[in-house]
Amino acid sequence: MSVARGSVEGLRGSNNSPNPALFSTEKNQPLPTPESSKQLGVTPPISLKESSAEEQEVTARLVEALREAGQFESEEESRQREVVLGKLNKLVQKFVYHTSIKKKYPESVARECSGKIFTFGSYRLGVHGKDADIDTLCVVPSHVTREDFFDIMLGFLKDHPEVEELTSVPEAYVPVINMVFSGVQIDLTFASLQLPKIPEDLELLDTNLLRNLDEKSIRSVNGSRVTDEILRLVPNVQTFRLALRCIKQWAKKRAIYSNAMGFLGGVAWAMLVARVCQLYPNASAGGIVARFFRIMYRWKWPQPVLLKPIEDGPLHARVWNPKIYPQDQAHRMPIITPAYPSMCATHNVYQSALQIMTSEFKRGQGITEDIIAKKTEWPNLFEKLDFFYKYKYYMQVTAASTDSDTQHKINGLVKSTLRHFVMKLESVDMIKLVHPYIRSIERVVECADEASTDRIRKGEFLPEEASDELDKAQQVSQQGLQDKDGSSDDNDKDKSSIFASQFYIGMEIDTKSSSSDKSNNVQKRLDLSWATKEYAAQVKKAEWWTDESMSLTINFKRGHELPAYVLEPGRPRLKKRKGAKSDEDDKKRKRSKSTTTIPSPSTSSKGGLEAEDAVNQELTTKAAATDTITTAGDANEKQQQPQAGIKPRILAQEGDNASTDTAQLEGSQTQQKEETRN
């Protein structure tokens, strides 16, 4: 089987034990160990001390906490993944053969061409959880193109009975096909090498393999190259894997594990952990995690994180260099890949995402200090973010369609572009922070009439008192809405099914008037129309988009207006502020009030912006003690209830008492900066 050696067999057993066998992908050579005298990283270690007995005990508690959280899969689950990779490999061979035949290659030559799959990311690193996806690279000969991949290979996958939830994103930064293959989530990327056939023993470490490849192919190949390079650059793979498992679990629970949403993906988190391992090569996993939060909270961004000096190579490929490229200068949180050509793995990070992650680093630092002091336990670090209770104001993005296959495409499109909407919102005056939730909420609803269909497309779903019925609808299979016995009554014939994906964005809004605004009696107004219209137009540029069967709706929501199904069971919603008026009151006052209104943006199923009476909003500041978002009617009310201001964003601040480690870190960063310049 032409699966890259080490990507499957070399990692067997490493995921269900904190003491994995350590083998590289190349000739089964041992990976570096703590006894290695070679310096790893761009600066010397901060400390070579062994972990104390206290830190060893903390590490043991960490292993137990991760086990209880289900972070180690069983041998049976591991074997299932290998079976799936084997089946996928056979499909790749079939794809290369049929493409070669289609291009008039003799049959004997077509069978020789072959192809090969490589795994990378969390699976290759040996830190994947039970339900984690497998990042996979399909490598093919030069005559097989990316267009063939998204045509022929995609067709084979569509016809395969074990493949579900199939979506393709050929226009992505790294073009990818996403699928669930026999219950295992697969992200399949593609690279066509300048070779007539792909040998079974091919390894991707040779830089010359990158010759004459376009940038998308180089990025795809580098996924595998970067993963292997990370494993070679950490002093102790065992410690690295356990610490990384902890950071991954924390980042997912705190909703900051998503490259697409502008936070960090798996490889970026791995590089941060690897850098801390380099600075403390003999520390235990528990000690690494504690130092991780301390260092990352105080890191002087945009100083880049490097695992080794940036290298030149034989190609004319672009290498990350902020001195030459203005785009590289704009990176807020640069984490640079160690494989040539070095790239920034975090180009998606925007200002709000950096602020959010910095506040989470600060929280993690405090909790890990308490864990070491035995004041708390590891599960507190993994406490789930209460996103839908955190903010007063939200944007609700609803993408809907009439069939499940189309919905998977729309979901992937919105998920991959939502950060652009977030950045547009960041540029709106008065918005201090924008926080997208990293997961979509999927709904399947049966509609009895056209009015119900239109309502659901706008994201309204069922009334609050009927939320139990909506919860039942969510459980309906997307492969068909029919009775368990396969029958349906006559009343169901007129019903249609709407598939919807909802994305939520929390916002901190500055409603306080400046002194000049107060003296001039100027009201602050929030206008989201431009950002909303621009993003809706961007989504609908997709070639396959059709307004007849697809819709995109964007609504402004207050915290107390969020639907019940996004909230935690048994936990009450945020209370409506005292004195706030209902949407019905807005309707009654709209024509009688002269104050300017700011419509909550809403894109209709036809694609235009609507300023619906029911969602018209005005942002107004009446006095310094008042900090509210009001309706048009509220703006002229004589009595306003004072309310605490919107909670300010948490900014990263250096502690007054810098530790010795912090001082050494600053020296390390200064030295790294010099290395980068050179």
Foldseek 3Di string as FASTA:
>chain_A
DLEQALLQPVLQPLQQDLDTDAAFSPPRDGAAALVDPDAWFLFAAQDADAADPLLVVQLVLLVVVCVVVQQGDDNVLSVVVVVLVVVVQVLLLVLQLVLCVVVVHPNVLSNQQGKHKYWFFCSSLNRGGSQDAIEMEIEGAQSQDPVSCVPVSLVVLVPDPQWPLWAWDCPFLQTWIWIQGNNHTYTYGYAHWHHSHDDSNDDLQDPVRCPPGDPNRVVRSVRHVLRSVLSNRANHSSQLSSLLNLVVLLCVLAQQADLLQQHAHRSLSSLLLRLLCSNHVNYHNLVSNLVSLVCLLPPDPPLERDRYFQDDDDDPDDAQDVVVDVLSVPQGHFYWGHGPSIDGRRSSHDDQSSLSVSVLSVVSNVVSVCSSVVNDGSVVSNHHHQVLQQFFKKKKKKKKFQADNVVSHLVVLCSNCVNLLLVLLCPWPQWQHKAKRNDKQKFKDKDQDPVQVQCVLQVNHDDQVCVVVRVVRRPADRVDRDDPVRDDDPSSVNITMMIMIMIMMGTFGHQADDPVCVVVVHWDWTASAVSVLVSLVVSCVPPPDDLVGMAIWMFMDTSQRDHPVVHDPPDHTDDDDPPADALVVQLVCVVVFDDDWHATWIQGSVGDTDRDSSGIWTRGDDDRQAADTHRRVSVPDPDDDGDDHGDDRDGRDDDPDDDPSRVSSVVRSVSVVVSNVD
